[in-house]
């Protein structure tokens, strides 16, 4: 059973009626602890909150990064490299298919 609640400064108050016997022990797990952590794991020194304003700021910063551009010669070299890689992968796949189609010895 999951119960949503809020803390009123002294006790946890369920957000909706709860059908539990009086005195029943429960375990409370905070679900927004990471949202309140200024420096969650993996973001040391870089504040990454989850509120809409922080997300919008992060997106704006990401969009401000200029696109990478290749010189014509670099692009030609890159296209040739990709062609060679594709050819190599096709050869490996052809060899694998051929080995799978060989009769068992």
PDB file of N, CA and C in Angstrom:
ATOM      1  N   UNK A   1       0.853  -1.175   0.000  1.00  0.00           N
ATOM      2  CA  UNK A   1       0.000   0.000   0.000  1.00  0.00           C
ATOM      3  C   UNK A   1       0.896   1.234   0.000  1.00  0.00           C
ATOM      4  N   UNK A   2       0.573   2.206  -0.807  1.00  0.00           N
ATOM      5  CA  UNK A   2       1.291   3.473  -0.841  1.00  0.00           C
ATOM      6  C   UNK A   2       0.363   4.568  -0.354  1.00  0.00           C
ATOM      7  N   UNK A   3       0.862   5.388   0.540  1.00  0.00           N
ATOM      8  CA  UNK A   3       0.072   6.491   1.098  1.00  0.00           C
ATOM      9  C   UNK A   3       0.831   7.781   0.851  1.00  0.00           C
ATOM     10  N   UNK A   4       0.196   8.750   0.213  1.00  0.00           N
ATOM     11  CA  UNK A   4       0.810  10.069   0.030  1.00  0.00           C
ATOM     12  C   UNK A   4       0.526  10.900   1.269  1.00  0.00           C
ATOM     13  N   UNK A   5       1.538  11.634   1.717  1.00  0.00           N
ATOM     14  CA  UNK A   5       1.382  12.445   2.917  1.00  0.00           C
ATOM     15  C   UNK A   5       2.275  13.670   2.804  1.00  0.00           C
ATOM     16  N   UNK A   6       2.080  14.595   3.734  1.00  0.00           N
ATOM     17  CA  UNK A   6       2.953  15.764   3.818  1.00  0.00           C
ATOM     18  C   UNK A   6       3.326  15.972   5.282  1.00  0.00           C
ATOM     19  N   UNK A   7       4.397  16.688   5.508  1.00  0.00           N
ATOM     20  CA  UNK A   7       4.886  16.949   6.858  1.00  0.00           C
ATOM     21  C   UNK A   7       4.435  18.328   7.272  1.00  0.00           C
ATOM     22  N   UNK A   8       3.721  18.428   8.394  1.00  0.00           N
ATOM     23  CA  UNK A   8       3.196  19.735   8.818  1.00  0.00           C
ATOM     24  C   UNK A   8       4.112  20.454   9.799  1.00  0.00           C
ATOM     25  N   UNK A   9       5.329  19.959   9.958  1.00  0.00           N
ATOM     26  CA  UNK A   9       6.277  20.559  10.891  1.00  0.00           C
ATOM     27  C   UNK A   9       6.425  19.740  12.159  1.00  0.00           C
ATOM     28  N   UNK A  10       5.453  18.879  12.426  1.00  0.00           N
ATOM     29  CA  UNK A  10       5.517  18.031  13.619  1.00  0.00           C
ATOM     30  C   UNK A  10       5.231  16.572  13.299  1.00  0.00           C
ATOM     31  N   UNK A  11       4.243  16.330  12.452  1.00  0.00           N
ATOM     32  CA  UNK A  11       3.855  14.958  12.121  1.00  0.00           C
ATOM     33  C   UNK A  11       3.589  14.839  10.629  1.00  0.00           C
ATOM     34  N   UNK A  12       3.565  13.580  10.166  1.00  0.00           N
ATOM     35  CA  UNK A  12       3.195  13.316   8.782  1.00  0.00           C
ATOM     36  C   UNK A  12       1.683  13.187   8.716  1.00  0.00           C
ATOM     37  N   UNK A  13       1.073  13.935   7.783  1.00  0.00           N
ATOM     38  CA  UNK A  13      -0.382  13.947   7.650  1.00  0.00           C
ATOM     39  C   UNK A  13      -0.747  13.325   6.314  1.00  0.00           C
ATOM     40  N   UNK A  14      -1.544  12.232   6.306  1.00  0.00           N
ATOM     41  CA  UNK A  14      -1.946  11.635   5.033  1.00  0.00           C
ATOM     42  C   UNK A  14      -2.738  12.622   4.188  1.00  0.00           C
ATOM     43  N   UNK A  15      -2.525  12.579   2.879  1.00  0.00           N
ATOM     44  CA  UNK A  15      -3.251  13.469   1.976  1.00  0.00           C
ATOM     45  C   UNK A  15      -4.678  12.995   1.740  1.00  0.00           C
ATOM     46  N   UNK A  16      -4.936  11.712   1.940  1.00  0.00           N
ATOM     47  CA  UNK A  16      -6.269  11.136   1.766  1.00  0.00           C
ATOM     48  C   UNK A  16      -6.581  10.267   2.982  1.00  0.00           C
ATOM     49  N   UNK A  17      -7.857   9.928   3.184  1.00  0.00           N
ATOM     50  CA  UNK A  17      -8.195   9.045   4.306  1.00  0.00           C
ATOM     51  C   UNK A  17      -7.455   7.707   4.195  1.00  0.00           C
ATOM     52  N   UNK A  18      -7.055   7.169   5.346  1.00  0.00           N
ATOM     53  CA  UNK A  18      -6.295   5.920   5.404  1.00  0.00           C
ATOM     54  C   UNK A  18      -7.068   4.923   6.261  1.00  0.00           C
ATOM     55  N   UNK A  19      -7.198   3.707   5.771  1.00  0.00           N
ATOM     56  CA  UNK A  19      -7.901   2.673   6.541  1.00  0.00           C
ATOM     57  C   UNK A  19      -6.889   1.717   7.144  1.00  0.00           C
ATOM     58  N   UNK A  20      -6.283   2.153   8.237  1.00  0.00           N
ATOM     59  CA  UNK A  20      -5.335   1.327   8.987  1.00  0.00           C
ATOM     60  C   UNK A  20      -5.768   1.318  10.451  1.00  0.00           C
ATOM     61  N   UNK A  21      -5.502   0.238  11.160  1.00  0.00           N
ATOM     62  CA  UNK A  21      -5.846   0.216  12.579  1.00  0.00           C
ATOM     63  C   UNK A  21      -4.979   1.201  13.364  1.00  0.00           C
ATOM     64  N   UNK A  22      -5.516   1.792  14.403  1.00  0.00           N
ATOM     65  CA  UNK A  22      -4.777   2.717  15.265  1.00  0.00           C
ATOM     66  C   UNK A  22      -3.586   1.967  15.853  1.00  0.00           C
ATOM     67  N   UNK A  23      -2.441   2.595  15.847  1.00  0.00           N
ATOM     68  CA  UNK A  23      -1.237   1.988  16.393  1.00  0.00           C
ATOM     69  C   UNK A  23      -0.443   1.176  15.385  1.00  0.00           C
ATOM     70  N   UNK A  24      -0.942   1.025  14.186  1.00  0.00           N
ATOM     71  CA  UNK A  24      -0.244   0.255  13.146  1.00  0.00           C
ATOM     72  C   UNK A  24       1.059   0.957  12.803  1.00  0.00           C
ATOM     73  N   UNK A  25       2.163   0.211  12.830  1.00  0.00           N
ATOM     74  CA  UNK A  25       3.461   0.784  12.477  1.00  0.00           C
ATOM     75  C   UNK A  25       3.572   0.869  10.960  1.00  0.00           C
ATOM     76  N   UNK A  26       4.183   1.940  10.491  1.00  0.00           N
ATOM     77  CA  UNK A  26       4.399   2.136   9.056  1.00  0.00           C
ATOM     78  C   UNK A  26       5.837   2.610   8.841  1.00  0.00           C
ATOM     79  N   UNK A  27       6.313   2.475   7.627  1.00  0.00           N
ATOM     80  CA  UNK A  27       7.632   2.979   7.250  1.00  0.00           C
ATOM     81  C   UNK A  27       7.412   4.136   6.286  1.00  0.00           C
ATOM     82  N   UNK A  28       8.088   5.259   6.543  1.00  0.00           N
ATOM     83  CA  UNK A  28       7.959   6.446   5.701  1.00  0.00           C
ATOM     84  C   UNK A  28       9.204   6.553   4.835  1.00  0.00           C
ATOM     85  N   UNK A  29       8.999   6.683   3.531  1.00  0.00           N
ATOM     86  CA  UNK A  29      10.101   6.837   2.585  1.00  0.00           C
ATOM     87  C   UNK A  29       9.941   8.174   1.881  1.00  0.00           C
ATOM     88  N   UNK A  30      10.962   9.015   1.966  1.00  0.00           N
ATOM     89  CA  UNK A  30      10.904  10.310   1.296  1.00  0.00           C
ATOM     90  C   UNK A  30      11.114  10.103  -0.191  1.00  0.00           C
ATOM     91  N   UNK A  31      10.210  10.639  -1.013  1.00  0.00           N
ATOM     92  CA  UNK A  31      10.313  10.418  -2.455  1.00  0.00           C
ATOM     93  C   UNK A  31      10.936  11.589  -3.189  1.00  0.00           C
ATOM     94  N   UNK A  32      11.048  12.742  -2.542  1.00  0.00           N
ATOM     95  CA  UNK A  32      11.602  13.895  -3.249  1.00  0.00           C
ATOM     96  C   UNK A  32      12.937  14.320  -2.661  1.00  0.00           C
ATOM     97  N   UNK A  33      13.631  13.413  -1.977  1.00  0.00           N
ATOM     98  CA  UNK A  33      14.906  13.760  -1.366  1.00  0.00           C
ATOM     99  C   UNK A  33      15.930  14.178  -2.420  1.00  0.00           C
ATOM    100  N   UNK A  34      15.968  13.504  -3.564  1.00  0.00           N
ATOM    101  CA  UNK A  34      16.940  13.838  -4.607  1.00  0.00           C
ATOM    102  C   UNK A  34      16.624  15.211  -5.198  1.00  0.00           C
ATOM    103  N   UNK A  35      15.331  15.526  -5.358  1.00  0.00           N
ATOM    104  CA  UNK A  35      14.952  16.823  -5.916  1.00  0.00           C
ATOM    105  C   UNK A  35      15.485  17.974  -5.075  1.00  0.00           C
ATOM    106  N   UNK A  36      15.588  17.759  -3.755  1.00  0.00           N
ATOM    107  CA  UNK A  36      16.045  18.821  -2.868  1.00  0.00           C
ATOM    108  C   UNK A  36      17.557  18.849  -2.716  1.00  0.00           C
ATOM    109  N   UNK A  37      18.250  17.857  -3.256  1.00  0.00           N
ATOM    110  CA  UNK A  37      19.697  17.770  -3.133  1.00  0.00           C
ATOM    111  C   UNK A  37      20.338  18.685  -4.166  1.00  0.00           C
ATOM    112  N   UNK A  38      21.049  19.697  -3.696  1.00  0.00           N
ATOM    113  CA  UNK A  38      21.677  20.652  -4.612  1.00  0.00           C
ATOM    114  C   UNK A  38      22.718  19.964  -5.482  1.00  0.00           C
ATOM    115  N   UNK A  39      23.387  18.978  -4.947  1.00  0.00           N
ATOM    116  CA  UNK A  39      24.452  18.282  -5.668  1.00  0.00           C
ATOM    117  C   UNK A  39      24.189  16.781  -5.674  1.00  0.00           C
ATOM    118  N   UNK A  40      23.191  16.302  -6.453  1.00  0.00           N
ATOM    119  CA  UNK A  40      22.922  14.868  -6.462  1.00  0.00           C
ATOM    120  C   UNK A  40      24.124  14.085  -6.973  1.00  0.00           C
ATOM    121  N   UNK A  41      24.192  12.786  -6.673  1.00  0.00           N
ATOM    122  CA  UNK A  41      25.328  11.990  -7.142  1.00  0.00           C
ATOM    123  C   UNK A  41      25.523  12.117  -8.655  1.00  0.00           C
ATOM    124  N   UNK A  42      26.773  12.237  -9.059  1.00  0.00           N
ATOM    125  CA  UNK A  42      27.088  12.340 -10.481  1.00  0.00           C
ATOM    126  C   UNK A  42      27.076  13.755 -11.020  1.00  0.00           C
ATOM    127  N   UNK A  43      26.736  14.732 -10.176  1.00  0.00           N
ATOM    128  CA  UNK A  43      26.688  16.122 -10.650  1.00  0.00           C
ATOM    129  C   UNK A  43      27.486  17.031  -9.725  1.00  0.00           C
ATOM    130  N   UNK A  44      28.551  16.525  -9.161  1.00  0.00           N
ATOM    131  CA  UNK A  44      29.313  17.298  -8.194  1.00  0.00           C
ATOM    132  C   UNK A  44      29.730  18.634  -8.773  1.00  0.00           C
ATOM    133  N   UNK A  45      29.397  19.689  -8.048  1.00  0.00           N
ATOM    134  CA  UNK A  45      29.769  21.030  -8.460  1.00  0.00           C
ATOM    135  C   UNK A  45      28.884  21.616  -9.541  1.00  0.00           C
ATOM    136  N   UNK A  46      27.855  20.898  -9.955  1.00  0.00           N
ATOM    137  CA  UNK A  46      26.969  21.379 -11.017  1.00  0.00           C
ATOM    138  C   UNK A  46      25.533  21.179 -10.562  1.00  0.00           C
ATOM    139  N   UNK A  47      24.920  22.228 -10.090  1.00  0.00           N
ATOM    140  CA  UNK A  47      23.570  22.132  -9.544  1.00  0.00           C
ATOM    141  C   UNK A  47      22.585  21.649 -10.601  1.00  0.00           C
ATOM    142  N   UNK A  48      21.860  20.582 -10.309  1.00  0.00           N
ATOM    143  CA  UNK A  48      20.917  19.989 -11.257  1.00  0.00           C
ATOM    144  C   UNK A  48      19.589  19.721 -10.553  1.00  0.00           C
ATOM    145  N   UNK A  49      18.837  20.728 -10.273  1.00  0.00           N
ATOM    146  CA  UNK A  49      17.538  20.525  -9.640  1.00  0.00           C
ATOM    147  C   UNK A  49      16.527  20.049 -10.679  1.00  0.00           C
ATOM    148  N   UNK A  50      15.393  19.545 -10.203  1.00  0.00           N
ATOM    149  CA  UNK A  50      14.367  19.005 -11.093  1.00  0.00           C
ATOM    150  C   UNK A  50      13.141  19.892 -11.229  1.00  0.00           C
ATOM    151  N   UNK A  51      13.203  21.107 -10.721  1.00  0.00           N
ATOM    152  CA  UNK A  51      12.046  21.997 -10.850  1.00  0.00           C
ATOM    153  C   UNK A  51      11.997  22.569 -12.270  1.00  0.00           C
ATOM    154  N   UNK A  52      10.832  23.009 -12.737  1.00  0.00           N
ATOM    155  CA  UNK A  52      10.689  23.488 -14.127  1.00  0.00           C
ATOM    156  C   UNK A  52      11.659  24.597 -14.514  1.00  0.00           C
ATOM    157  N   UNK A  53      11.934  25.521 -13.597  1.00  0.00           N
ATOM    158  CA  UNK A  53      12.846  26.616 -13.922  1.00  0.00           C
ATOM    159  C   UNK A  53      14.266  26.106 -14.161  1.00  0.00           C
ATOM    160  N   UNK A  54      14.708  25.166 -13.323  1.00  0.00           N
ATOM    161  CA  UNK A  54      16.056  24.611 -13.487  1.00  0.00           C
ATOM    162  C   UNK A  54      16.164  23.823 -14.786  1.00  0.00           C
ATOM    163  N   UNK A  55      15.131  23.073 -15.108  1.00  0.00           N
ATOM    164  CA  UNK A  55      15.133  22.301 -16.348  1.00  0.00           C
ATOM    165  C   UNK A  55      15.162  23.243 -17.552  1.00  0.00           C
ATOM    166  N   UNK A  56      14.359  24.311 -17.503  1.00  0.00           N
ATOM    167  CA  UNK A  56      14.349  25.281 -18.606  1.00  0.00           C
ATOM    168  C   UNK A  56      15.717  25.937 -18.756  1.00  0.00           C
ATOM    169  N   UNK A  57      16.368  26.249 -17.622  1.00  0.00           N
ATOM    170  CA  UNK A  57      17.701  26.857 -17.676  1.00  0.00           C
ATOM    171  C   UNK A  57      18.699  25.889 -18.310  1.00  0.00           C
ATOM    172  N   UNK A  58      18.634  24.595 -17.904  1.00  0.00           N
ATOM    173  CA  UNK A  58      19.540  23.598 -18.456  1.00  0.00           C
ATOM    174  C   UNK A  58      19.332  23.473 -19.961  1.00  0.00           C
ATOM    175  N   UNK A  59      18.077  23.434 -20.412  1.00  0.00           N
ATOM    176  CA  UNK A  59      17.788  23.320 -21.848  1.00  0.00           C
ATOM    177  C   UNK A  59      18.322  24.532 -22.600  1.00  0.00           C
ATOM    178  N   UNK A  60      18.132  25.732 -22.031  1.00  0.00           N
ATOM    179  CA  UNK A  60      18.631  26.947 -22.682  1.00  0.00           C
ATOM    180  C   UNK A  60      20.156  26.916 -22.794  1.00  0.00           C
ATOM    181  N   UNK A  61      20.824  26.453 -21.734  1.00  0.00           N
ATOM    182  CA  UNK A  61      22.284  26.355 -21.783  1.00  0.00           C
ATOM    183  C   UNK A  61      22.717  25.335 -22.829  1.00  0.00           C
ATOM    184  N   UNK A  62      22.025  24.208 -22.892  1.00  0.00           N
ATOM    185  CA  UNK A  62      22.356  23.172 -23.867  1.00  0.00           C
ATOM    186  C   UNK A  62      22.171  23.696 -25.290  1.00  0.00           C
ATOM    187  N   UNK A  63      21.079  24.423 -25.521  1.00  0.00           N
ATOM    188  CA  UNK A  63      20.809  24.958 -26.863  1.00  0.00           C
ATOM    189  C   UNK A  63      21.804  26.039 -27.260  1.00  0.00           C
ATOM    190  N   UNK A  64      22.469  26.655 -26.279  1.00  0.00           N
ATOM    191  CA  UNK A  64      23.418  27.723 -26.599  1.00  0.00           C
ATOM    192  C   UNK A  64      24.771  27.178 -27.070  1.00  0.00           C
ATOM    193  N   UNK A  65      24.982  25.870 -26.947  1.00  0.00           N
ATOM    194  CA  UNK A  65      26.243  25.275 -27.403  1.00  0.00           C
ATOM    195  C   UNK A  65      26.255  25.301 -28.931  1.00  0.00           C
ATOM    196  N   UNK A  66      27.268  25.905 -29.536  1.00  0.00           N
ATOM    197  CA  UNK A  66      27.290  25.979 -30.995  1.00  0.00           C
ATOM    198  C   UNK A  66      27.463  24.598 -31.628  1.00  0.00           C
ATOM    199  N   UNK A  67      26.854  24.425 -32.775  1.00  0.00           N
ATOM    200  CA  UNK A  67      26.950  23.160 -33.502  1.00  0.00           C
ATOM    201  C   UNK A  67      28.376  22.951 -33.997  1.00  0.00           C
ATOM    202  N   UNK A  68      28.803  21.700 -34.023  1.00  0.00           N
ATOM    203  CA  UNK A  68      30.123  21.382 -34.548  1.00  0.00           C
ATOM    204  C   UNK A  68      30.062  21.372 -36.074  1.00  0.00           C
ATOM    205  N   UNK A  69      31.078  21.907 -36.694  1.00  0.00           N
ATOM    206  CA  UNK A  69      31.130  21.941 -38.157  1.00  0.00           C
ATOM    207  C   UNK A  69      32.425  21.298 -38.624  1.00  0.00           C
ATOM    208  N   UNK A  70      32.326  20.546 -39.703  1.00  0.00           N
ATOM    209  CA  UNK A  70      33.505  19.918 -40.297  1.00  0.00           C
ATOM    210  C   UNK A  70      33.895  20.678 -41.551  1.00  0.00           C
ATOM    211  N   UNK A  71      35.187  20.751 -41.742  1.00  0.00           N
ATOM    212  CA  UNK A  71      35.679  21.285 -43.010  1.00  0.00           C
ATOM    213  C   UNK A  71      35.350  20.245 -44.079  1.00  0.00           C
ATOM    214  N   UNK A  72      35.285  20.671 -45.319  1.00  0.00           N
ATOM    215  CA  UNK A  72      34.925  19.768 -46.417  1.00  0.00           C
ATOM    216  C   UNK A  72      35.852  18.552 -46.460  1.00  0.00           C
ATOM    217  N   UNK A  73      37.147  18.756 -46.238  1.00  0.00           N
ATOM    218  CA  UNK A  73      38.107  17.652 -46.267  1.00  0.00           C
ATOM    219  C   UNK A  73      37.847  16.680 -45.111  1.00  0.00           C
ATOM    220  N   UNK A  74      37.552  17.221 -43.940  1.00  0.00           N
ATOM    221  CA  UNK A  74      37.244  16.355 -42.786  1.00  0.00           C
ATOM    222  C   UNK A  74      35.996  15.518 -43.053  1.00  0.00           C
ATOM    223  N   UNK A  75      34.996  16.135 -43.644  1.00  0.00           N
ATOM    224  CA  UNK A  75      33.766  15.409 -43.937  1.00  0.00           C
ATOM    225  C   UNK A  75      34.011  14.302 -44.956  1.00  0.00           C
ATOM    226  N   UNK A  76      34.810  14.584 -45.970  1.00  0.00           N
ATOM    227  CA  UNK A  76      35.150  13.575 -46.975  1.00  0.00           C
ATOM    228  C   UNK A  76      35.873  12.400 -46.321  1.00  0.00           C
ATOM    229  N   UNK A  77      36.843  12.702 -45.449  1.00  0.00           N
ATOM    230  CA  UNK A  77      37.573  11.644 -44.736  1.00  0.00           C
ATOM    231  C   UNK A  77      36.631  10.834 -43.855  1.00  0.00           C
ATOM    232  N   UNK A  78      35.724  11.521 -43.168  1.00  0.00           N
ATOM    233  CA  UNK A  78      34.776  10.848 -42.273  1.00  0.00           C
ATOM    234  C   UNK A  78      33.842   9.928 -43.068  1.00  0.00           C
ATOM    235  N   UNK A  79      33.350  10.388 -44.196  1.00  0.00           N
ATOM    236  CA  UNK A  79      32.456   9.577 -45.037  1.00  0.00           C
ATOM    237  C   UNK A  79      33.200   8.339 -45.541  1.00  0.00           C
ATOM    238  N   UNK A  80      34.458   8.493 -45.928  1.00  0.00           N
ATOM    239  CA  UNK A  80      35.247   7.352 -46.396  1.00  0.00           C
ATOM    240  C   UNK A  80      35.479   6.357 -45.260  1.00  0.00           C
ATOM    241  N   UNK A  81      35.795   6.847 -44.102  1.00  0.00           N
ATOM    242  CA  UNK A  81      35.990   5.975 -42.937  1.00  0.00           C
ATOM    243  C   UNK A  81      34.717   5.188 -42.649  1.00  0.00           C
ATOM    244  N   UNK A  82      33.573   5.857 -42.666  1.00  0.00           N
ATOM    245  CA  UNK A  82      32.286   5.186 -42.420  1.00  0.00           C
ATOM    246  C   UNK A  82      32.011   4.125 -43.494  1.00  0.00           C
ATOM    247  N   UNK A  83      32.351   4.421 -44.758  1.00  0.00           N
ATOM    248  CA  UNK A  83      32.170   3.452 -45.833  1.00  0.00           C
ATOM    249  C   UNK A  83      33.007   2.210 -45.573  1.00  0.00           C
ATOM    250  N   UNK A  84      34.267   2.420 -45.155  1.00  0.00           N
ATOM    251  CA  UNK A  84      35.147   1.287 -44.861  1.00  0.00           C
ATOM    252  C   UNK A  84      34.611   0.471 -43.676  1.00  0.00           C
ATOM    253  N   UNK A  85      34.136   1.131 -42.647  1.00  0.00           N
ATOM    254  CA  UNK A  85      33.583   0.434 -41.484  1.00  0.00           C
ATOM    255  C   UNK A  85      32.351  -0.386 -41.877  1.00  0.00           C
ATOM    256  N   UNK A  86      31.489   0.201 -42.691  1.00  0.00           N
ATOM    257  CA  UNK A  86      30.294  -0.520 -43.141  1.00  0.00           C
ATOM    258  C   UNK A  86      30.676  -1.745 -43.957  1.00  0.00           C
ATOM    259  N   UNK A  87      31.677  -1.603 -44.823  1.00  0.00           N
ATOM    260  CA  UNK A  87      32.134  -2.720 -45.647  1.00  0.00           C
ATOM    261  C   UNK A  87      32.699  -3.835 -44.767  1.00  0.00           C
ATOM    262  N   UNK A  88      33.474  -3.445 -43.757  1.00  0.00           N
ATOM    263  CA  UNK A  88      34.036  -4.425 -42.828  1.00  0.00           C
ATOM    264  C   UNK A  88      32.921  -5.166 -42.085  1.00  0.00           C
ATOM    265  N   UNK A  89      31.933  -4.439 -41.601  1.00  0.00           N
ATOM    266  CA  UNK A  89      30.821  -5.058 -40.875  1.00  0.00           C
ATOM    267  C   UNK A  89      30.016  -5.991 -41.791  1.00  0.00           C
ATOM    268  N   UNK A  90      29.810  -5.572 -43.034  1.00  0.00           N
ATOM    269  CA  UNK A  90      29.095  -6.436 -43.993  1.00  0.00           C
ATOM    270  C   UNK A  90      29.868  -7.727 -44.221  1.00  0.00           C
ATOM    271  N   UNK A  91      31.192  -7.635 -44.356  1.00  0.00           N
ATOM    272  CA  UNK A  91      32.026  -8.833 -44.560  1.00  0.00           C
ATOM    273  C   UNK A  91      31.923  -9.769 -43.365  1.00  0.00           C
ATOM    274  N   UNK A  92      31.980  -9.203 -42.159  1.00  0.00           N
ATOM    275  CA  UNK A  92      31.865 -10.032 -40.948  1.00  0.00           C
ATOM    276  C   UNK A  92      30.500 -10.702 -40.867  1.00  0.00           C
ATOM    277  N   UNK A  93      29.455  -9.976 -41.210  1.00  0.00           N
ATOM    278  CA  UNK A  93      28.103 -10.538 -41.158  1.00  0.00           C
ATOM    279  C   UNK A  93      27.943 -11.634 -42.213  1.00  0.00           C
ATOM    280  N   UNK A  94      28.476 -11.400 -43.416  1.00  0.00           N
ATOM    281  CA  UNK A  94      28.413 -12.425 -44.461  1.00  0.00           C
ATOM    282  C   UNK A  94      29.125 -13.699 -44.001  1.00  0.00           C
ATOM    283  N   UNK A  95      30.299 -13.546 -43.365  1.00  0.00           N
ATOM    284  CA  UNK A  95      31.045 -14.716 -42.878  1.00  0.00           C
ATOM    285  C   UNK A  95      30.253 -15.439 -41.792  1.00  0.00           C
ATOM    286  N   UNK A  96      29.618 -14.707 -40.921  1.00  0.00           N
ATOM    287  CA  UNK A  96      28.814 -15.323 -39.863  1.00  0.00           C
ATOM    288  C   UNK A  96      27.638 -16.090 -40.454  1.00  0.00           C
ATOM    289  N   UNK A  97      26.943 -15.471 -41.395  1.00  0.00           N
ATOM    290  CA  UNK A  97      25.793 -16.138 -42.036  1.00  0.00           C
ATOM    291  C   UNK A  97      26.248 -17.404 -42.754  1.00  0.00           C
ATOM    292  N   UNK A  98      27.385 -17.311 -43.434  1.00  0.00           N
ATOM    293  CA  UNK A  98      27.901 -18.471 -44.159  1.00  0.00           C
ATOM    294  C   UNK A  98      28.242 -19.600 -43.180  1.00  0.00           C
ATOM    295  N   UNK A  99      28.852 -19.256 -42.041  1.00  0.00           N
ATOM    296  CA  UNK A  99      29.202 -20.288 -41.065  1.00  0.00           C
ATOM    297  C   UNK A  99      27.955 -20.910 -40.445  1.00  0.00           C
ATOM    298  N   UNK A 100      26.905 -20.152 -40.305  1.00  0.00           N
ATOM    299  CA  UNK A 100      25.658 -20.688 -39.741  1.00  0.00           C
ATOM    300  C   UNK A 100      24.926 -21.592 -40.745  1.00  0.00           C
ATOM    301  N   UNK A 101      25.133 -21.337 -42.026  1.00  0.00           N
ATOM    302  CA  UNK A 101      24.463 -22.132 -43.060  1.00  0.00           C
ATOM    303  C   UNK A 101      25.232 -23.390 -43.454  1.00  0.00           C
ATOM    304  N   UNK A 102      26.478 -23.523 -42.958  1.00  0.00           N
ATOM    305  CA  UNK A 102      27.269 -24.724 -43.279  1.00  0.00           C
ATOM    306  C   UNK A 102      26.630 -25.920 -42.566  1.00  0.00           C
ATOM    307  N   UNK A 103      26.624 -27.066 -43.240  1.00  0.00           N
ATOM    308  CA  UNK A 103      26.090 -28.266 -42.574  1.00  0.00           C
ATOM    309  C   UNK A 103      26.961 -28.628 -41.375  1.00  0.00           C
ATOM    310  N   UNK A 104      26.334 -29.189 -40.361  1.00  0.00           N
ATOM    311  CA  UNK A 104      27.066 -29.611 -39.170  1.00  0.00           C
ATOM    312  C   UNK A 104      28.035 -30.721 -39.528  1.00  0.00           C
ATOM    313  N   UNK A 105      29.221 -30.702 -38.948  1.00  0.00           N
ATOM    314  CA  UNK A 105      30.243 -31.720 -39.260  1.00  0.00           C
ATOM    315  C   UNK A 105      30.289 -32.765 -38.200  1.00  0.00           C
TER     316      UNK A 105
END
